[in-house]
C-alpha atoms as a PDB file:
ATOM      1  CA  MET A   1       0.000   0.000   0.000  1.00  0.00           C
ATOM      2  CA  VAL A   2       1.278   3.471  -0.864  1.00  0.00           C
ATOM      3  CA  GLU A   3       1.409   5.878   2.053  1.00  0.00           C
ATOM      4  CA  PRO A   4      -0.646   9.075   1.570  1.00  0.00           C
ATOM      5  CA  ILE A   5       1.297  12.263   0.955  1.00  0.00           C
ATOM      6  CA  ASP A   6      -0.930  14.109   3.356  1.00  0.00           C
ATOM      7  CA  PRO A   7      -3.674  12.914   5.700  1.00  0.00           C
ATOM      8  CA  ASP A   8      -6.073  15.154   3.774  1.00  0.00           C
ATOM      9  CA  LEU A   9      -5.412  13.003   0.727  1.00  0.00           C
ATOM     10  CA  ASP A  10      -5.845   9.569   2.306  1.00  0.00           C
ATOM     11  CA  GLN A  11      -7.581   7.603  -0.416  1.00  0.00           C
ATOM     12  CA  ASP A  12      -9.089   5.086   2.047  1.00  0.00           C
ATOM     13  CA  ASP A  13     -11.388   7.809   3.413  1.00  0.00           C
ATOM     14  CA  GLU A  14     -12.856   8.854   0.069  1.00  0.00           C
ATOM     15  CA  THR A  15     -16.563   9.287  -0.354  1.00  0.00           C
ATOM     16  CA  PRO A  16     -18.055   7.824  -3.562  1.00  0.00           C
ATOM     17  CA  ALA A  17     -18.038  11.323  -5.086  1.00  0.00           C
ATOM     18  CA  GLN A  18     -14.362  11.782  -4.256  1.00  0.00           C
ATOM     19  CA  ALA A  19     -13.483   8.319  -5.577  1.00  0.00           C
ATOM     20  CA  SER A  20     -14.618   9.390  -9.040  1.00  0.00           C
ATOM     21  CA  LEU A  21     -12.168  12.312  -9.153  1.00  0.00           C
ATOM     22  CA  VAL A  22      -9.292  12.047 -11.593  1.00  0.00           C
ATOM     23  CA  HIS A  23      -5.998  11.475  -9.779  1.00  0.00           C
ATOM     24  CA  VAL A  24      -2.666  12.589 -11.152  1.00  0.00           C
ATOM     25  CA  GLY A  25       0.906  12.061 -10.017  1.00  0.00           C
ATOM     26  CA  SER A  26       1.289  10.639  -6.532  1.00  0.00           C
ATOM     27  CA  GLY A  27      -2.356  10.500  -5.525  1.00  0.00           C
ATOM     28  CA  LEU A  28      -3.136  14.168  -6.068  1.00  0.00           C
ATOM     29  CA  SER A  29      -6.496  14.808  -7.652  1.00  0.00           C
ATOM     30  CA  VAL A  30      -7.144  17.534 -10.194  1.00  0.00           C
ATOM     31  CA  ASP A  31      -9.325  19.421  -7.710  1.00  0.00           C
ATOM     32  CA  THR A  32      -6.514  19.381  -5.123  1.00  0.00           C
ATOM     33  CA  LEU A  33      -4.014  20.614  -7.706  1.00  0.00           C
ATOM     34  CA  LEU A  34      -6.464  23.371  -8.628  1.00  0.00           C
ATOM     35  CA  ALA A  35      -6.767  24.382  -4.964  1.00  0.00           C
ATOM     36  CA  ILE A  36      -2.954  24.536  -4.721  1.00  0.00           C
ATOM     37  CA  ALA A  37      -2.672  26.554  -7.954  1.00  0.00           C
ATOM     38  CA  VAL A  38      -5.328  29.096  -6.971  1.00  0.00           C
ATOM     39  CA  GLY A  39      -3.856  29.438  -3.471  1.00  0.00           C
ATOM     40  CA  GLY A  40      -0.354  29.825  -4.906  1.00  0.00           C
ATOM     41  CA  GLY A  41      -1.504  32.505  -7.323  1.00  0.00           C
ATOM     42  CA  LEU A  42      -3.195  34.472  -4.545  1.00  0.00           C
ATOM     43  CA  GLY A  43      -0.174  34.078  -2.262  1.00  0.00           C
ATOM     44  CA  GLY A  44       2.154  35.281  -5.010  1.00  0.00           C
ATOM     45  CA  LEU A  45      -0.069  38.307  -5.607  1.00  0.00           C
ATOM     46  CA  ALA A  46      -0.036  39.123  -1.891  1.00  0.00           C
ATOM     47  CA  ARG A  47       3.766  38.886  -1.842  1.00  0.00           C
ATOM     48  CA  TYR A  48       4.034  41.066  -4.943  1.00  0.00           C
ATOM     49  CA  GLY A  49       1.802  43.669  -3.301  1.00  0.00           C
ATOM     50  CA  LEU A  50       3.935  43.808  -0.169  1.00  0.00           C
ATOM     51  CA  GLN A  51       7.187  43.900  -2.120  1.00  0.00           C
ATOM     52  CA  THR A  52       5.806  46.716  -4.279  1.00  0.00           C
ATOM     53  CA  ALA A  53       4.776  48.654  -1.182  1.00  0.00           C
ATOM     54  CA  LEU A  54       8.208  48.153   0.461  1.00  0.00           C
ATOM     55  CA  PRO A  55      10.793  48.189  -2.334  1.00  0.00           C
ATOM     56  CA  THR A  56      14.347  47.229  -1.399  1.00  0.00           C
ATOM     57  CA  GLN A  57      16.891  49.981  -1.941  1.00  0.00           C
ATOM     58  CA  ALA A  58      20.168  49.050  -3.639  1.00  0.00           C
ATOM     59  CA  ALA A  59      22.272  47.128  -1.094  1.00  0.00           C
ATOM     60  CA  GLY A  60      19.652  47.861   1.573  1.00  0.00           C
ATOM     61  CA  PHE A  61      18.080  45.379   3.943  1.00  0.00           C
ATOM     62  CA  PRO A  62      15.317  43.484   2.084  1.00  0.00           C
ATOM     63  CA  TRP A  63      12.537  44.229   4.574  1.00  0.00           C
ATOM     64  CA  ALA A  64       9.681  43.127   2.317  1.00  0.00           C
ATOM     65  CA  THR A  65      11.096  39.618   1.821  1.00  0.00           C
ATOM     66  CA  PHE A  66      11.979  39.383   5.507  1.00  0.00           C
ATOM     67  CA  ILE A  67       8.426  40.377   6.530  1.00  0.00           C
ATOM     68  CA  VAL A  68       6.876  38.027   3.971  1.00  0.00           C
ATOM     69  CA  ASN A  69       8.916  35.038   5.125  1.00  0.00           C
ATOM     70  CA  VAL A  70       8.544  35.680   8.850  1.00  0.00           C
ATOM     71  CA  SER A  71       4.789  36.323   8.633  1.00  0.00           C
ATOM     72  CA  GLY A  72       4.453  33.245   6.403  1.00  0.00           C
ATOM     73  CA  CYS A  73       6.207  31.145   9.050  1.00  0.00           C
ATOM     74  CA  PHE A  74       3.869  32.520  11.715  1.00  0.00           C
ATOM     75  CA  LEU A  75       0.794  31.830   9.588  1.00  0.00           C
ATOM     76  CA  LEU A  76       1.984  28.310   8.822  1.00  0.00           C
ATOM     77  CA  GLY A  77       2.246  27.647  12.565  1.00  0.00           C
ATOM     78  CA  VAL A  78      -1.296  28.983  13.040  1.00  0.00           C
ATOM     79  CA  LEU A  79      -2.601  26.919  10.139  1.00  0.00           C
ATOM     80  CA  MET A  80      -1.073  23.663  11.332  1.00  0.00           C
ATOM     81  CA  VAL A  81      -2.728  24.000  14.727  1.00  0.00           C
ATOM     82  CA  LEU A  82      -6.076  24.936  13.195  1.00  0.00           C
ATOM     83  CA  VAL A  83      -5.955  22.011  10.779  1.00  0.00           C
ATOM     84  CA  THR A  84      -4.752  19.384  13.250  1.00  0.00           C
ATOM     85  CA  GLU A  85      -6.287  20.592  16.529  1.00  0.00           C
ATOM     86  CA  GLY A  86      -9.074  22.947  15.466  1.00  0.00           C
ATOM     87  CA  ARG A  87     -12.647  21.802  15.414  1.00  0.00           C
ATOM     88  CA  ASN A  88     -13.699  22.916  11.956  1.00  0.00           C
ATOM     89  CA  LEU A  89     -10.829  23.771   9.614  1.00  0.00           C
ATOM     90  CA  GLY A  90      -9.385  20.251   9.764  1.00  0.00           C
ATOM     91  CA  ARG A  91     -12.575  18.927   8.181  1.00  0.00           C
ATOM     92  CA  PHE A  92     -12.106  21.060   5.071  1.00  0.00           C
ATOM     93  CA  ARG A  93     -10.066  18.807   2.774  1.00  0.00           C
ATOM     94  CA  TYR A  94      -8.615  21.739   0.842  1.00  0.00           C
ATOM     95  CA  ALA A  95      -7.340  23.652   3.904  1.00  0.00           C
ATOM     96  CA  ARG A  96      -3.750  22.407   3.735  1.00  0.00           C
ATOM     97  CA  PRO A  97      -3.455  22.261  -0.061  1.00  0.00           C
ATOM     98  CA  PHE A  98      -5.036  25.703  -0.618  1.00  0.00           C
ATOM     99  CA  LEU A  99      -3.741  27.614   2.410  1.00  0.00           C
ATOM    100  CA  GLY A 100      -0.522  25.779   3.323  1.00  0.00           C
ATOM    101  CA  VAL A 101       0.965  24.509   0.081  1.00  0.00           C
ATOM    102  CA  GLY A 102      -0.735  27.012  -2.205  1.00  0.00           C
ATOM    103  CA  PHE A 103      -1.180  30.393  -0.527  1.00  0.00           C
ATOM    104  CA  LEU A 104       1.703  30.260   1.949  1.00  0.00           C
ATOM    105  CA  GLY A 105       3.913  28.481  -0.576  1.00  0.00           C
ATOM    106  CA  GLY A 106       3.279  31.273  -3.075  1.00  0.00           C
ATOM    107  CA  PHE A 107       3.502  33.986  -0.424  1.00  0.00           C
ATOM    108  CA  THR A 108       6.810  33.002   1.152  1.00  0.00           C
ATOM    109  CA  THR A 109       9.952  33.187  -0.934  1.00  0.00           C
ATOM    110  CA  PHE A 110      13.045  31.622   0.511  1.00  0.00           C
ATOM    111  CA  SER A 111      14.554  31.428  -2.977  1.00  0.00           C
ATOM    112  CA  THR A 112      14.460  35.229  -3.185  1.00  0.00           C
ATOM    113  CA  TYR A 113      15.957  35.334   0.310  1.00  0.00           C
ATOM    114  CA  THR A 114      18.999  33.358  -0.838  1.00  0.00           C
ATOM    115  CA  ALA A 115      19.381  35.411  -4.035  1.00  0.00           C
ATOM    116  CA  GLN A 116      19.198  38.654  -2.038  1.00  0.00           C
ATOM    117  CA  THR A 117      21.770  37.335   0.433  1.00  0.00           C
ATOM    118  CA  ARG A 118      24.125  36.550  -2.458  1.00  0.00           C
ATOM    119  CA  GLU A 119      23.537  40.020  -3.951  1.00  0.00           C
ATOM    120  CA  LEU A 120      24.326  41.700  -0.636  1.00  0.00           C
ATOM    121  CA  VAL A 121      27.606  39.776  -0.352  1.00  0.00           C
ATOM    122  CA  ALA A 122      28.515  40.592  -3.974  1.00  0.00           C
ATOM    123  CA  ALA A 123      27.833  44.292  -3.298  1.00  0.00           C
ATOM    124  CA  GLY A 124      30.244  44.240  -0.358  1.00  0.00           C
ATOM    125  CA  HIS A 125      27.628  44.215   2.407  1.00  0.00           C
ATOM    126  CA  ALA A 126      28.622  40.972   4.106  1.00  0.00           C
ATOM    127  CA  SER A 127      27.470  42.047   7.580  1.00  0.00           C
ATOM    128  CA  THR A 128      23.981  42.929   6.307  1.00  0.00           C
ATOM    129  CA  ALA A 129      23.919  39.652   4.348  1.00  0.00           C
ATOM    130  CA  GLY A 130      24.926  37.685   7.443  1.00  0.00           C
ATOM    131  CA  PHE A 131      22.292  39.352   9.605  1.00  0.00           C
ATOM    132  CA  TYR A 132      19.679  38.731   6.910  1.00  0.00           C
ATOM    133  CA  LEU A 133      20.784  35.117   6.384  1.00  0.00           C
ATOM    134  CA  VAL A 134      20.759  34.121  10.053  1.00  0.00           C
ATOM    135  CA  GLY A 135      18.023  36.509  11.159  1.00  0.00           C
ATOM    136  CA  SER A 136      15.510  35.214   8.622  1.00  0.00           C
ATOM    137  CA  ILE A 137      15.937  31.637   9.839  1.00  0.00           C
ATOM    138  CA  VAL A 138      15.999  32.427  13.565  1.00  0.00           C
ATOM    139  CA  VAL A 139      13.098  34.876  13.464  1.00  0.00           C
ATOM    140  CA  GLY A 140      11.168  32.624  11.072  1.00  0.00           C
ATOM    141  CA  LEU A 141      11.496  29.630  13.405  1.00  0.00           C
ATOM    142  CA  ALA A 142      10.498  31.793  16.366  1.00  0.00           C
ATOM    143  CA  ALA A 143       7.502  33.086  14.414  1.00  0.00           C
ATOM    144  CA  ALA A 144       6.384  29.537  13.557  1.00  0.00           C
ATOM    145  CA  ALA A 145       6.708  28.533  17.217  1.00  0.00           C
ATOM    146  CA  ALA A 146       4.765  31.645  18.249  1.00  0.00           C
ATOM    147  CA  GLY A 147       2.034  30.849  15.723  1.00  0.00           C
ATOM    148  CA  LEU A 148       1.747  27.314  17.128  1.00  0.00           C
ATOM    149  CA  GLY A 149       1.762  28.456  20.769  1.00  0.00           C
ATOM    150  CA  ILE A 150      -0.583  31.424  20.440  1.00  0.00           C
ATOM    151  CA  THR A 151      -3.113  29.455  18.405  1.00  0.00           C
ATOM    152  CA  ARG A 152      -3.089  26.554  20.882  1.00  0.00           C
ATOM    153  CA  VAL A 153      -3.715  28.981  23.760  1.00  0.00           C
ATOM    154  CA  LEU A 154      -6.564  30.667  21.856  1.00  0.00           C
ATOM    155  CA  LEU A 155      -8.215  27.315  21.072  1.00  0.00           C
ATOM    156  CA  ARG A 156      -8.412  26.346  24.757  1.00  0.00           C
END
């Protein structure tokens, strides 16, 4: 038996209507891929909006990307608690694909973070690059932990 990629996609729990859906790749159905695509598009648009509102100056600290990634980490922590421990969101089979993989996957941009770090080093701003490199990871992990903790407290 093939293990499900995600508990939301466990094929053993399908209703007759879900069983008739076309599956592609590793058990992903077309409707799940559509949820991921729409969420990713909306997340990318949200990121673009924030990066347009807070443009990075040449060799300046990339605040927009930092804010996007840290807030995305926080929101992912919130989402995981709501999906796994919440009473209602976990029942919505598209919650993780749409919000987690799609929206937050499109919203956060750790590839841009690495490119910006490289650009800062190449421009001779190694200290800013180092702060950005380490700070993004440390603050992002703290934000994810805060999202988990705060949401668990609020659900009690």
